[in-house]
Amino acid sequence: MAKNHQAGATIYIQEELSDARLRCDELKNYISKALDLVNASEKKNHFYAVAGDLITTVPDTLLKLEKALEATAMAVNRWDYEELRLTLRPEKVEELERVLDEARLRIPHKKR
């Protein structure tokens, strides 16, 4: 019963984390659109005069939020991975890890 409870908690955390990451991405798009509108405006200087601190700090804060969510997602995925690994036969784990390594080699990584 404790194992099912732990799996349920992990699944719940992963779902909520996925939703938070989706909302963060939506917010990033809204902020990008707002910045484009401000920078294209004839009143750009006025916007920066009255809200320049917000125009510059909100995107930076959003970036920090995104990085925190990514780190949390990585930790939760690793936690789940380790738990699942304990339930599988060692041969199956080795096979899956080999397949995943091969898949990683074929997928080009984004440069940041």
N, C-alpha and C. Protein backbone atom coordinates (compact mmCIF):
# COMPACT_ATOMS: atom_id res chain seq x y z
N MET A 1 0.82 -1.20 0.00
CA MET A 1 0.00 0.00 0.00
C MET A 1 0.86 1.27 0.00
N ALA A 2 1.95 1.24 0.74
CA ALA A 2 2.83 2.41 0.79
C ALA A 2 3.44 2.70 -0.58
N LYS A 3 3.75 1.64 -1.32
CA LYS A 3 4.32 1.80 -2.66
C LYS A 3 3.33 2.50 -3.59
N ASN A 4 2.06 2.06 -3.55
CA ASN A 4 1.03 2.71 -4.38
C ASN A 4 0.82 4.16 -3.97
N HIS A 5 0.86 4.41 -2.68
CA HIS A 5 0.69 5.78 -2.19
C HIS A 5 1.83 6.67 -2.69
N GLN A 6 3.05 6.13 -2.64
CA GLN A 6 4.21 6.90 -3.11
C GLN A 6 4.13 7.13 -4.61
N ALA A 7 3.73 6.10 -5.37
CA ALA A 7 3.58 6.26 -6.82
C ALA A 7 2.51 7.30 -7.13
N GLY A 8 1.41 7.27 -6.39
CA GLY A 8 0.36 8.25 -6.59
C GLY A 8 0.83 9.66 -6.33
N ALA A 9 1.63 9.83 -5.28
CA ALA A 9 2.16 11.15 -4.95
C ALA A 9 3.11 11.63 -6.04
N THR A 10 3.94 10.73 -6.54
CA THR A 10 4.88 11.10 -7.60
C THR A 10 4.14 11.51 -8.86
N ILE A 11 3.12 10.75 -9.21
CA ILE A 11 2.33 11.08 -10.40
C ILE A 11 1.65 12.43 -10.23
N TYR A 12 1.09 12.69 -9.06
CA TYR A 12 0.44 13.97 -8.79
C TYR A 12 1.43 15.12 -8.92
N ILE A 13 2.62 14.95 -8.34
CA ILE A 13 3.65 16.00 -8.42
C ILE A 13 4.05 16.24 -9.87
N GLN A 14 4.23 15.16 -10.63
CA GLN A 14 4.61 15.30 -12.04
C GLN A 14 3.52 16.03 -12.84
N GLU A 15 2.27 15.71 -12.58
CA GLU A 15 1.17 16.38 -13.30
C GLU A 15 1.13 17.87 -12.97
N GLU A 16 1.24 18.20 -11.69
CA GLU A 16 1.20 19.61 -11.29
C GLU A 16 2.42 20.36 -11.81
N LEU A 17 3.55 19.72 -11.80
CA LEU A 17 4.76 20.33 -12.31
C LEU A 17 4.66 20.57 -13.81
N SER A 18 4.10 19.61 -14.53
CA SER A 18 3.89 19.79 -15.97
C SER A 18 2.97 20.95 -16.24
N ASP A 19 1.92 21.07 -15.44
CA ASP A 19 0.99 22.19 -15.60
C ASP A 19 1.69 23.52 -15.31
N ALA A 20 2.51 23.55 -14.27
CA ALA A 20 3.23 24.78 -13.93
C ALA A 20 4.19 25.16 -15.05
N ARG A 21 4.84 24.18 -15.65
CA ARG A 21 5.77 24.46 -16.76
C ARG A 21 5.01 24.97 -17.99
N LEU A 22 3.84 24.42 -18.23
CA LEU A 22 3.00 24.90 -19.33
C LEU A 22 2.59 26.35 -19.09
N ARG A 23 2.15 26.66 -17.87
CA ARG A 23 1.74 28.04 -17.55
C ARG A 23 2.92 28.99 -17.65
N CYS A 24 4.10 28.53 -17.26
CA CYS A 24 5.31 29.36 -17.37
C CYS A 24 5.59 29.66 -18.84
N ASP A 25 5.44 28.66 -19.70
CA ASP A 25 5.68 28.88 -21.12
C ASP A 25 4.64 29.84 -21.71
N GLU A 26 3.38 29.72 -21.28
CA GLU A 26 2.35 30.65 -21.74
C GLU A 26 2.69 32.07 -21.29
N LEU A 27 3.12 32.20 -20.05
CA LEU A 27 3.48 33.51 -19.52
C LEU A 27 4.65 34.11 -20.29
N LYS A 28 5.61 33.26 -20.65
CA LYS A 28 6.76 33.72 -21.45
C LYS A 28 6.27 34.29 -22.78
N ASN A 29 5.32 33.62 -23.41
CA ASN A 29 4.78 34.11 -24.68
C ASN A 29 4.04 35.44 -24.51
N TYR A 30 3.26 35.57 -23.42
CA TYR A 30 2.55 36.83 -23.16
C TYR A 30 3.54 37.97 -22.93
N ILE A 31 4.57 37.71 -22.16
CA ILE A 31 5.56 38.75 -21.87
C ILE A 31 6.30 39.14 -23.13
N SER A 32 6.65 38.17 -23.94
CA SER A 32 7.32 38.46 -25.21
C SER A 32 6.45 39.34 -26.10
N LYS A 33 5.17 39.00 -26.18
CA LYS A 33 4.24 39.80 -26.99
C LYS A 33 4.12 41.22 -26.43
N ALA A 34 4.03 41.33 -25.11
CA ALA A 34 3.92 42.66 -24.48
C ALA A 34 5.17 43.49 -24.76
N LEU A 35 6.34 42.87 -24.66
CA LEU A 35 7.58 43.60 -24.93
C LEU A 35 7.66 44.04 -26.38
N ASP A 36 7.21 43.19 -27.30
CA ASP A 36 7.17 43.56 -28.71
C ASP A 36 6.26 44.77 -28.92
N LEU A 37 5.10 44.78 -28.26
CA LEU A 37 4.17 45.90 -28.39
C LEU A 37 4.77 47.18 -27.81
N VAL A 38 5.40 47.07 -26.65
CA VAL A 38 6.01 48.25 -26.02
C VAL A 38 7.11 48.79 -26.93
N ASN A 39 7.98 47.92 -27.41
CA ASN A 39 9.11 48.36 -28.22
C ASN A 39 8.69 48.90 -29.58
N ALA A 40 7.53 48.49 -30.08
CA ALA A 40 7.04 49.00 -31.37
C ALA A 40 6.21 50.27 -31.21
N SER A 41 5.89 50.62 -29.99
CA SER A 41 5.02 51.76 -29.73
C SER A 41 5.74 53.09 -29.92
N GLU A 42 4.97 54.07 -30.37
CA GLU A 42 5.49 55.44 -30.45
C GLU A 42 5.70 56.02 -29.06
N LYS A 43 5.08 55.40 -28.07
CA LYS A 43 5.18 55.85 -26.67
C LYS A 43 6.19 55.01 -25.87
N LYS A 44 7.09 54.35 -26.57
CA LYS A 44 8.06 53.46 -25.94
C LYS A 44 8.81 54.16 -24.80
N ASN A 45 9.28 55.35 -25.04
CA ASN A 45 10.03 56.08 -24.01
C ASN A 45 9.17 56.34 -22.78
N HIS A 46 7.89 56.63 -23.00
CA HIS A 46 6.98 56.85 -21.87
C HIS A 46 6.80 55.55 -21.07
N PHE A 47 6.61 54.43 -21.78
CA PHE A 47 6.47 53.15 -21.08
C PHE A 47 7.68 52.86 -20.21
N TYR A 48 8.86 53.07 -20.78
CA TYR A 48 10.08 52.81 -20.01
C TYR A 48 10.24 53.81 -18.86
N ALA A 49 9.77 55.03 -19.03
CA ALA A 49 9.87 56.04 -17.97
C ALA A 49 8.98 55.67 -16.78
N VAL A 50 7.78 55.15 -17.06
CA VAL A 50 6.86 54.87 -15.95
C VAL A 50 6.92 53.42 -15.47
N ALA A 51 7.41 52.51 -16.30
CA ALA A 51 7.41 51.10 -15.90
C ALA A 51 8.67 50.37 -16.34
N GLY A 52 9.75 51.10 -16.51
CA GLY A 52 10.99 50.48 -16.97
C GLY A 52 11.49 49.37 -16.07
N ASP A 53 11.31 49.56 -14.74
CA ASP A 53 11.76 48.53 -13.81
C ASP A 53 10.99 47.22 -14.05
N LEU A 54 9.71 47.32 -14.31
CA LEU A 54 8.90 46.12 -14.59
C LEU A 54 9.26 45.51 -15.94
N ILE A 55 9.46 46.37 -16.93
CA ILE A 55 9.77 45.89 -18.28
C ILE A 55 11.08 45.11 -18.29
N THR A 56 12.02 45.49 -17.43
CA THR A 56 13.30 44.78 -17.43
C THR A 56 13.36 43.64 -16.41
N THR A 57 12.68 43.77 -15.27
CA THR A 57 12.82 42.73 -14.23
C THR A 57 11.86 41.57 -14.38
N VAL A 58 10.69 41.79 -14.96
CA VAL A 58 9.73 40.68 -15.11
C VAL A 58 10.30 39.56 -15.99
N PRO A 59 10.88 39.85 -17.15
CA PRO A 59 11.46 38.75 -17.94
C PRO A 59 12.59 38.02 -17.21
N ASP A 60 13.41 38.76 -16.45
CA ASP A 60 14.49 38.12 -15.68
C ASP A 60 13.92 37.20 -14.60
N THR A 61 12.88 37.66 -13.92
CA THR A 61 12.25 36.85 -12.89
C THR A 61 11.60 35.62 -13.50
N LEU A 62 10.99 35.78 -14.66
CA LEU A 62 10.38 34.65 -15.34
C LEU A 62 11.43 33.61 -15.73
N LEU A 63 12.59 34.07 -16.17
CA LEU A 63 13.68 33.15 -16.52
C LEU A 63 14.11 32.34 -15.29
N LYS A 64 14.21 33.00 -14.15
CA LYS A 64 14.58 32.31 -12.91
C LYS A 64 13.50 31.30 -12.51
N LEU A 65 12.24 31.66 -12.69
CA LEU A 65 11.13 30.74 -12.42
C LEU A 65 11.22 29.52 -13.32
N GLU A 66 11.46 29.75 -14.60
CA GLU A 66 11.57 28.66 -15.56
C GLU A 66 12.71 27.71 -15.19
N LYS A 67 13.85 28.25 -14.81
CA LYS A 67 15.00 27.42 -14.43
C LYS A 67 14.70 26.64 -13.16
N ALA A 68 14.00 27.24 -12.20
CA ALA A 68 13.63 26.53 -10.98
C ALA A 68 12.67 25.38 -11.28
N LEU A 69 11.72 25.61 -12.18
CA LEU A 69 10.78 24.55 -12.57
C LEU A 69 11.51 23.42 -13.29
N GLU A 70 12.46 23.77 -14.16
CA GLU A 70 13.22 22.75 -14.87
C GLU A 70 14.05 21.91 -13.91
N ALA A 71 14.67 22.55 -12.93
CA ALA A 71 15.47 21.82 -11.94
C ALA A 71 14.58 20.90 -11.11
N THR A 72 13.41 21.39 -10.75
CA THR A 72 12.47 20.58 -9.98
C THR A 72 11.99 19.40 -10.80
N ALA A 73 11.68 19.64 -12.07
CA ALA A 73 11.23 18.55 -12.94
C ALA A 73 12.32 17.50 -13.07
N MET A 74 13.55 17.93 -13.21
CA MET A 74 14.66 16.99 -13.32
C MET A 74 14.79 16.15 -12.04
N ALA A 75 14.66 16.78 -10.89
CA ALA A 75 14.75 16.07 -9.62
C ALA A 75 13.61 15.06 -9.46
N VAL A 76 12.39 15.46 -9.78
CA VAL A 76 11.25 14.56 -9.66
C VAL A 76 11.37 13.39 -10.63
N ASN A 77 11.80 13.68 -11.86
CA ASN A 77 11.99 12.60 -12.83
C ASN A 77 13.06 11.62 -12.37
N ARG A 78 14.12 12.13 -11.79
CA ARG A 78 15.19 11.26 -11.30
C ARG A 78 14.69 10.41 -10.14
N TRP A 79 13.93 11.03 -9.25
CA TRP A 79 13.35 10.34 -8.11
C TRP A 79 12.45 9.22 -8.60
N ASP A 80 11.59 9.51 -9.56
CA ASP A 80 10.69 8.51 -10.12
C ASP A 80 11.49 7.41 -10.83
N TYR A 81 12.50 7.79 -11.56
CA TYR A 81 13.36 6.85 -12.28
C TYR A 81 13.99 5.85 -11.30
N GLU A 82 14.53 6.37 -10.21
CA GLU A 82 15.17 5.50 -9.23
C GLU A 82 14.17 4.54 -8.59
N GLU A 83 12.97 5.04 -8.31
CA GLU A 83 11.93 4.17 -7.73
C GLU A 83 11.52 3.07 -8.71
N LEU A 84 11.31 3.43 -9.96
CA LEU A 84 10.93 2.44 -10.97
C LEU A 84 12.04 1.43 -11.23
N ARG A 85 13.25 1.91 -11.20
CA ARG A 85 14.41 1.05 -11.46
C ARG A 85 14.47 -0.10 -10.45
N LEU A 86 14.07 0.18 -9.22
CA LEU A 86 14.09 -0.84 -8.18
C LEU A 86 13.06 -1.95 -8.40
N THR A 87 12.04 -1.66 -9.20
CA THR A 87 10.98 -2.65 -9.42
C THR A 87 11.22 -3.55 -10.62
N LEU A 88 12.21 -3.22 -11.45
CA LEU A 88 12.48 -3.99 -12.67
C LEU A 88 13.65 -4.95 -12.48
N ARG A 89 13.66 -5.97 -13.29
CA ARG A 89 14.80 -6.90 -13.31
C ARG A 89 16.04 -6.15 -13.77
N PRO A 90 17.20 -6.45 -13.22
CA PRO A 90 18.43 -5.75 -13.63
C PRO A 90 18.70 -5.82 -15.13
N GLU A 91 18.38 -6.97 -15.77
CA GLU A 91 18.60 -7.09 -17.21
C GLU A 91 17.72 -6.11 -17.98
N LYS A 92 16.50 -5.94 -17.52
CA LYS A 92 15.57 -5.01 -18.18
C LYS A 92 16.07 -3.58 -18.03
N VAL A 93 16.56 -3.25 -16.85
CA VAL A 93 17.09 -1.90 -16.60
C VAL A 93 18.27 -1.63 -17.54
N GLU A 94 19.18 -2.58 -17.65
CA GLU A 94 20.34 -2.42 -18.53
C GLU A 94 19.90 -2.22 -19.98
N GLU A 95 18.93 -3.01 -20.41
CA GLU A 95 18.43 -2.91 -21.79
C GLU A 95 17.80 -1.54 -22.04
N LEU A 96 16.97 -1.11 -21.11
CA LEU A 96 16.30 0.19 -21.26
C LEU A 96 17.31 1.34 -21.26
N GLU A 97 18.29 1.26 -20.40
CA GLU A 97 19.30 2.33 -20.35
C GLU A 97 20.12 2.36 -21.63
N ARG A 98 20.42 1.21 -22.20
CA ARG A 98 21.15 1.16 -23.47
C ARG A 98 20.32 1.81 -24.58
N VAL A 99 19.04 1.46 -24.65
CA VAL A 99 18.15 2.03 -25.67
C VAL A 99 18.04 3.54 -25.50
N LEU A 100 17.91 3.99 -24.26
CA LEU A 100 17.81 5.44 -24.01
C LEU A 100 19.10 6.16 -24.38
N ASP A 101 20.23 5.56 -24.09
CA ASP A 101 21.51 6.16 -24.48
C ASP A 101 21.62 6.29 -26.00
N GLU A 102 21.20 5.26 -26.71
CA GLU A 102 21.24 5.31 -28.17
C GLU A 102 20.30 6.38 -28.71
N ALA A 103 19.13 6.52 -28.09
CA ALA A 103 18.18 7.54 -28.53
C ALA A 103 18.74 8.94 -28.28
N ARG A 104 19.42 9.13 -27.15
CA ARG A 104 20.01 10.44 -26.84
C ARG A 104 21.06 10.83 -27.86
N LEU A 105 21.81 9.85 -28.37
CA LEU A 105 22.85 10.14 -29.35
C LEU A 105 22.27 10.64 -30.67
N ARG A 106 21.07 10.23 -31.00
CA ARG A 106 20.45 10.61 -32.28
C ARG A 106 19.69 11.91 -32.19
N ILE A 107 19.30 12.33 -30.99
CA ILE A 107 18.50 13.55 -30.85
C ILE A 107 19.44 14.72 -30.63
N PRO A 108 19.45 15.69 -31.57
CA PRO A 108 20.31 16.87 -31.37
C PRO A 108 19.81 17.69 -30.19
N HIS A 109 20.72 18.14 -29.38
CA HIS A 109 20.37 18.94 -28.20
C HIS A 109 20.30 20.41 -28.56
N LYS A 110 19.32 21.12 -27.95
CA LYS A 110 19.20 22.56 -28.15
C LYS A 110 20.36 23.25 -27.43
N LYS A 111 20.90 24.25 -28.07
CA LYS A 111 21.92 25.06 -27.41
C LYS A 111 21.22 26.24 -26.78
N ARG A 112 21.63 26.56 -25.58
CA ARG A 112 20.99 27.66 -24.85
C ARG A 112 21.91 28.84 -24.79
